[in-house]
């Protein structure tokens, strides 16, 4: 599938799917278009409160990224992710796993 996160899905479908993301155990995406699901997922990420990387981690995140650019030291990324609140860590981990699968199949 081309442009999974670049091609916008249907706003009508997003409006229908987005509220179901509050109850993940009830979400059934079997019959949904991949672009609609990706658009809904991006919308969900944009509207997380607090965000996936909480505001109080912003300065540390920026410094970690700067240090990583200079050293390419993977342990910096690992240490950063491990400092996230548990729910955020779990979500971040699952998103990274999704991105890994997508990159392996692109």
N, C-alpha and C. Protein backbone atom coordinates (compact mmCIF):
# COMPACT_ATOMS: atom_id res chain seq x y z
N UNK A 1 0.84 -1.17 0.00
CA UNK A 1 0.00 0.00 0.00
C UNK A 1 0.89 1.23 0.00
N UNK A 2 0.57 2.13 -0.85
CA UNK A 2 1.40 3.32 -1.02
C UNK A 2 0.93 4.47 -0.15
N UNK A 3 1.88 5.16 0.46
CA UNK A 3 1.58 6.39 1.19
C UNK A 3 0.63 6.22 2.35
N UNK A 4 0.81 5.16 3.13
CA UNK A 4 -0.13 4.85 4.21
C UNK A 4 -0.43 6.06 5.09
N UNK A 5 0.60 6.77 5.50
CA UNK A 5 0.38 7.92 6.38
C UNK A 5 0.38 9.25 5.63
N UNK A 6 0.58 9.21 4.31
CA UNK A 6 0.56 10.43 3.51
C UNK A 6 -0.79 10.67 2.86
N UNK A 7 -1.46 9.61 2.47
CA UNK A 7 -2.75 9.74 1.80
C UNK A 7 -3.85 9.83 2.85
N UNK A 8 -4.63 10.89 2.79
CA UNK A 8 -5.69 11.10 3.78
C UNK A 8 -6.83 10.13 3.57
N UNK A 9 -7.38 9.71 4.69
CA UNK A 9 -8.58 8.88 4.65
C UNK A 9 -9.81 9.76 4.63
N UNK A 10 -10.95 9.12 4.68
CA UNK A 10 -12.23 9.81 4.65
C UNK A 10 -12.51 10.49 6.00
N UNK A 11 -12.88 11.76 5.96
CA UNK A 11 -13.23 12.48 7.18
C UNK A 11 -14.47 11.87 7.84
N UNK A 12 -15.39 11.40 7.02
CA UNK A 12 -16.62 10.77 7.55
C UNK A 12 -16.25 9.52 8.35
N UNK A 13 -15.36 8.71 7.80
CA UNK A 13 -14.94 7.48 8.50
C UNK A 13 -14.15 7.84 9.75
N UNK A 14 -13.26 8.83 9.65
CA UNK A 14 -12.49 9.26 10.82
C UNK A 14 -13.44 9.68 11.94
N UNK A 15 -14.46 10.46 11.60
CA UNK A 15 -15.43 10.91 12.61
C UNK A 15 -16.18 9.74 13.25
N UNK A 16 -16.36 8.67 12.49
CA UNK A 16 -17.04 7.48 13.03
C UNK A 16 -16.08 6.64 13.88
N UNK A 17 -14.83 6.49 13.41
CA UNK A 17 -13.88 5.62 14.10
C UNK A 17 -13.25 6.24 15.34
N UNK A 18 -12.95 7.52 15.27
CA UNK A 18 -12.20 8.17 16.35
C UNK A 18 -12.79 7.94 17.74
N UNK A 19 -14.08 8.10 17.95
CA UNK A 19 -14.63 7.87 19.29
C UNK A 19 -14.42 6.44 19.79
N UNK A 20 -14.34 5.48 18.87
CA UNK A 20 -14.16 4.09 19.30
C UNK A 20 -12.76 3.85 19.86
N UNK A 21 -11.80 4.72 19.54
CA UNK A 21 -10.43 4.54 20.03
C UNK A 21 -10.36 4.71 21.55
N UNK A 22 -11.37 5.30 22.16
CA UNK A 22 -11.41 5.43 23.62
C UNK A 22 -11.68 4.08 24.28
N UNK A 23 -12.18 3.13 23.49
CA UNK A 23 -12.48 1.78 23.99
C UNK A 23 -11.84 0.76 23.05
N UNK A 24 -10.52 0.60 23.12
CA UNK A 24 -9.81 -0.23 22.14
C UNK A 24 -10.31 -1.66 22.05
N UNK A 25 -10.84 -2.18 23.14
CA UNK A 25 -11.34 -3.55 23.11
C UNK A 25 -12.56 -3.70 22.20
N UNK A 26 -13.21 -2.59 21.87
CA UNK A 26 -14.40 -2.63 21.02
C UNK A 26 -14.10 -2.24 19.57
N UNK A 27 -12.86 -1.88 19.28
CA UNK A 27 -12.50 -1.44 17.93
C UNK A 27 -12.37 -2.64 17.01
N UNK A 28 -13.06 -2.57 15.88
CA UNK A 28 -12.96 -3.61 14.86
C UNK A 28 -12.64 -2.91 13.54
N UNK A 29 -11.43 -3.12 13.07
CA UNK A 29 -10.96 -2.44 11.86
C UNK A 29 -10.88 -3.38 10.67
N UNK A 30 -11.42 -4.58 10.81
CA UNK A 30 -11.31 -5.60 9.76
C UNK A 30 -11.81 -5.13 8.40
N UNK A 31 -12.87 -4.36 8.38
CA UNK A 31 -13.47 -3.97 7.10
C UNK A 31 -13.19 -2.51 6.72
N UNK A 32 -12.18 -1.92 7.37
CA UNK A 32 -11.89 -0.51 7.13
C UNK A 32 -10.74 -0.35 6.14
N UNK A 33 -10.76 0.73 5.40
CA UNK A 33 -9.71 1.09 4.47
C UNK A 33 -8.46 1.49 5.26
N UNK A 34 -7.28 1.06 4.80
CA UNK A 34 -6.04 1.33 5.54
C UNK A 34 -5.78 2.83 5.70
N UNK A 35 -6.13 3.63 4.72
CA UNK A 35 -5.89 5.08 4.81
C UNK A 35 -6.84 5.73 5.82
N UNK A 36 -8.05 5.20 5.92
CA UNK A 36 -8.99 5.70 6.93
C UNK A 36 -8.47 5.40 8.33
N UNK A 37 -7.95 4.19 8.52
CA UNK A 37 -7.42 3.79 9.82
C UNK A 37 -6.17 4.62 10.16
N UNK A 38 -5.28 4.79 9.19
CA UNK A 38 -4.06 5.57 9.43
C UNK A 38 -4.41 7.02 9.76
N UNK A 39 -5.37 7.60 9.07
CA UNK A 39 -5.79 8.98 9.36
C UNK A 39 -6.38 9.09 10.75
N UNK A 40 -7.17 8.11 11.14
CA UNK A 40 -7.77 8.11 12.47
C UNK A 40 -6.69 7.97 13.53
N UNK A 41 -5.72 7.10 13.27
CA UNK A 41 -4.60 6.92 14.20
C UNK A 41 -3.81 8.21 14.37
N UNK A 42 -3.51 8.90 13.27
CA UNK A 42 -2.79 10.18 13.34
C UNK A 42 -3.61 11.21 14.12
N UNK A 43 -4.91 11.24 13.89
CA UNK A 43 -5.79 12.17 14.61
C UNK A 43 -5.76 11.86 16.11
N UNK A 44 -5.80 10.58 16.44
CA UNK A 44 -5.74 10.15 17.85
C UNK A 44 -4.44 10.62 18.48
N UNK A 45 -3.32 10.42 17.78
CA UNK A 45 -2.02 10.85 18.31
C UNK A 45 -1.98 12.36 18.54
N UNK A 46 -2.52 13.13 17.59
CA UNK A 46 -2.51 14.59 17.70
C UNK A 46 -3.33 15.09 18.88
N UNK A 47 -4.35 14.33 19.26
CA UNK A 47 -5.27 14.79 20.29
C UNK A 47 -5.09 14.10 21.64
N UNK A 48 -4.00 13.36 21.81
CA UNK A 48 -3.74 12.76 23.11
C UNK A 48 -3.53 13.86 24.14
N UNK A 49 -4.11 13.67 25.31
CA UNK A 49 -3.94 14.64 26.38
C UNK A 49 -3.71 13.89 27.68
N UNK A 50 -2.50 13.90 28.18
CA UNK A 50 -1.31 14.58 27.70
C UNK A 50 -0.75 13.88 26.45
N UNK A 51 0.13 14.58 25.72
CA UNK A 51 0.68 14.00 24.50
C UNK A 51 1.54 12.77 24.80
N UNK A 52 1.83 12.01 23.75
CA UNK A 52 2.64 10.79 23.90
C UNK A 52 3.94 11.10 24.63
N UNK A 53 4.60 12.18 24.26
CA UNK A 53 5.76 12.65 25.00
C UNK A 53 5.28 13.87 25.79
N UNK A 54 5.05 13.70 27.11
CA UNK A 54 4.47 14.78 27.91
C UNK A 54 5.30 16.07 27.86
N UNK A 55 4.62 17.18 28.06
CA UNK A 55 5.25 18.50 27.97
C UNK A 55 6.48 18.62 28.87
N UNK A 56 6.42 18.04 30.06
CA UNK A 56 7.54 18.18 30.99
C UNK A 56 8.80 17.44 30.50
N UNK A 57 8.66 16.63 29.46
CA UNK A 57 9.80 15.91 28.89
C UNK A 57 10.37 16.64 27.67
N UNK A 58 9.79 17.77 27.30
CA UNK A 58 10.18 18.44 26.06
C UNK A 58 11.66 18.81 26.02
N UNK A 59 12.13 19.51 27.05
CA UNK A 59 13.54 19.94 27.06
C UNK A 59 14.47 18.74 27.00
N UNK A 60 14.18 17.72 27.81
CA UNK A 60 15.01 16.51 27.81
C UNK A 60 14.98 15.80 26.47
N UNK A 61 13.82 15.82 25.82
CA UNK A 61 13.69 15.19 24.50
C UNK A 61 14.55 15.92 23.49
N UNK A 62 14.50 17.23 23.49
CA UNK A 62 15.28 18.01 22.54
C UNK A 62 16.78 17.80 22.76
N UNK A 63 17.20 17.75 24.03
CA UNK A 63 18.62 17.52 24.33
C UNK A 63 19.04 16.12 23.91
N UNK A 64 18.19 15.13 24.18
CA UNK A 64 18.50 13.76 23.80
C UNK A 64 18.65 13.64 22.28
N UNK A 65 17.76 14.28 21.53
CA UNK A 65 17.84 14.22 20.07
C UNK A 65 19.12 14.89 19.56
N UNK A 66 19.48 16.01 20.18
CA UNK A 66 20.72 16.70 19.80
C UNK A 66 21.93 15.81 20.08
N UNK A 67 21.96 15.21 21.27
CA UNK A 67 23.06 14.33 21.64
C UNK A 67 23.11 13.11 20.72
N UNK A 68 21.94 12.58 20.39
CA UNK A 68 21.88 11.41 19.52
C UNK A 68 22.43 11.75 18.13
N UNK A 69 22.06 12.91 17.61
CA UNK A 69 22.56 13.33 16.29
C UNK A 69 24.08 13.38 16.26
N UNK A 70 24.67 13.79 17.38
CA UNK A 70 26.13 13.91 17.45
C UNK A 70 26.82 12.57 17.64
N UNK A 71 26.21 11.67 18.43
CA UNK A 71 26.90 10.43 18.82
C UNK A 71 26.35 9.17 18.18
N UNK A 72 25.09 9.21 17.74
CA UNK A 72 24.39 8.02 17.22
C UNK A 72 24.36 6.90 18.28
N UNK A 73 24.38 7.28 19.54
CA UNK A 73 24.39 6.34 20.65
C UNK A 73 22.96 5.89 20.94
N UNK A 74 22.65 4.64 20.57
CA UNK A 74 21.30 4.11 20.71
C UNK A 74 20.85 4.08 22.16
N UNK A 75 21.78 3.93 23.09
CA UNK A 75 21.41 3.88 24.51
C UNK A 75 20.74 5.17 24.95
N UNK A 76 21.03 6.30 24.30
CA UNK A 76 20.35 7.56 24.62
C UNK A 76 18.86 7.45 24.36
N UNK A 77 18.51 6.85 23.23
CA UNK A 77 17.09 6.67 22.89
C UNK A 77 16.42 5.73 23.87
N UNK A 78 17.10 4.63 24.17
CA UNK A 78 16.54 3.63 25.09
C UNK A 78 16.32 4.25 26.47
N UNK A 79 17.32 4.97 26.98
CA UNK A 79 17.19 5.61 28.29
C UNK A 79 16.04 6.60 28.31
N UNK A 80 15.87 7.36 27.23
CA UNK A 80 14.78 8.33 27.15
C UNK A 80 13.43 7.63 27.22
N UNK A 81 13.25 6.60 26.42
CA UNK A 81 11.96 5.90 26.36
C UNK A 81 11.64 5.26 27.71
N UNK A 82 12.64 4.72 28.38
CA UNK A 82 12.41 4.08 29.68
C UNK A 82 12.00 5.07 30.76
N UNK A 83 12.26 6.36 30.56
CA UNK A 83 11.87 7.39 31.53
C UNK A 83 10.43 7.85 31.37
N UNK A 84 9.80 7.47 30.27
CA UNK A 84 8.41 7.89 30.04
C UNK A 84 7.48 7.25 31.07
N UNK A 85 6.35 7.90 31.38
CA UNK A 85 5.35 7.25 32.22
C UNK A 85 4.93 5.91 31.59
N UNK A 86 4.55 4.95 32.43
CA UNK A 86 4.29 3.59 31.96
C UNK A 86 3.33 3.52 30.77
N UNK A 87 2.19 4.19 30.85
CA UNK A 87 1.21 4.15 29.75
C UNK A 87 1.81 4.72 28.46
N UNK A 88 2.61 5.76 28.60
CA UNK A 88 3.24 6.38 27.44
C UNK A 88 4.31 5.46 26.86
N UNK A 89 5.05 4.80 27.76
CA UNK A 89 6.07 3.84 27.31
C UNK A 89 5.42 2.72 26.51
N UNK A 90 4.33 2.17 27.03
CA UNK A 90 3.64 1.07 26.34
C UNK A 90 3.15 1.53 24.96
N UNK A 91 2.53 2.70 24.89
CA UNK A 91 2.05 3.22 23.61
C UNK A 91 3.21 3.47 22.65
N UNK A 92 4.28 4.08 23.16
CA UNK A 92 5.46 4.37 22.34
C UNK A 92 6.05 3.07 21.80
N UNK A 93 6.15 2.06 22.65
CA UNK A 93 6.69 0.76 22.25
C UNK A 93 5.83 0.14 21.15
N UNK A 94 4.52 0.18 21.31
CA UNK A 94 3.63 -0.40 20.29
C UNK A 94 3.71 0.36 18.97
N UNK A 95 3.84 1.66 19.05
CA UNK A 95 3.97 2.46 17.82
C UNK A 95 5.28 2.11 17.11
N UNK A 96 6.35 1.98 17.88
CA UNK A 96 7.63 1.60 17.27
C UNK A 96 7.56 0.22 16.62
N UNK A 97 6.86 -0.71 17.27
CA UNK A 97 6.68 -2.05 16.67
C UNK A 97 5.89 -1.96 15.37
N UNK A 98 4.85 -1.14 15.36
CA UNK A 98 4.06 -0.94 14.14
C UNK A 98 4.95 -0.37 13.03
N UNK A 99 5.73 0.63 13.35
CA UNK A 99 6.60 1.25 12.34
C UNK A 99 7.65 0.26 11.83
N UNK A 100 8.12 -0.61 12.70
CA UNK A 100 9.07 -1.65 12.27
C UNK A 100 8.42 -2.58 11.27
N UNK A 101 7.22 -3.05 11.58
CA UNK A 101 6.50 -3.94 10.66
C UNK A 101 6.25 -3.25 9.32
N UNK A 102 5.82 -1.99 9.38
CA UNK A 102 5.57 -1.25 8.15
C UNK A 102 6.83 -1.09 7.32
N UNK A 103 7.95 -0.80 7.98
CA UNK A 103 9.20 -0.62 7.23
C UNK A 103 9.68 -1.94 6.62
N UNK A 104 9.43 -3.04 7.30
CA UNK A 104 9.82 -4.35 6.77
C UNK A 104 8.99 -4.75 5.56
N UNK A 105 7.80 -4.19 5.45
CA UNK A 105 6.89 -4.56 4.37
C UNK A 105 6.73 -3.47 3.32
N UNK A 106 7.61 -2.49 3.34
CA UNK A 106 7.46 -1.42 2.34
C UNK A 106 8.39 -1.64 1.16
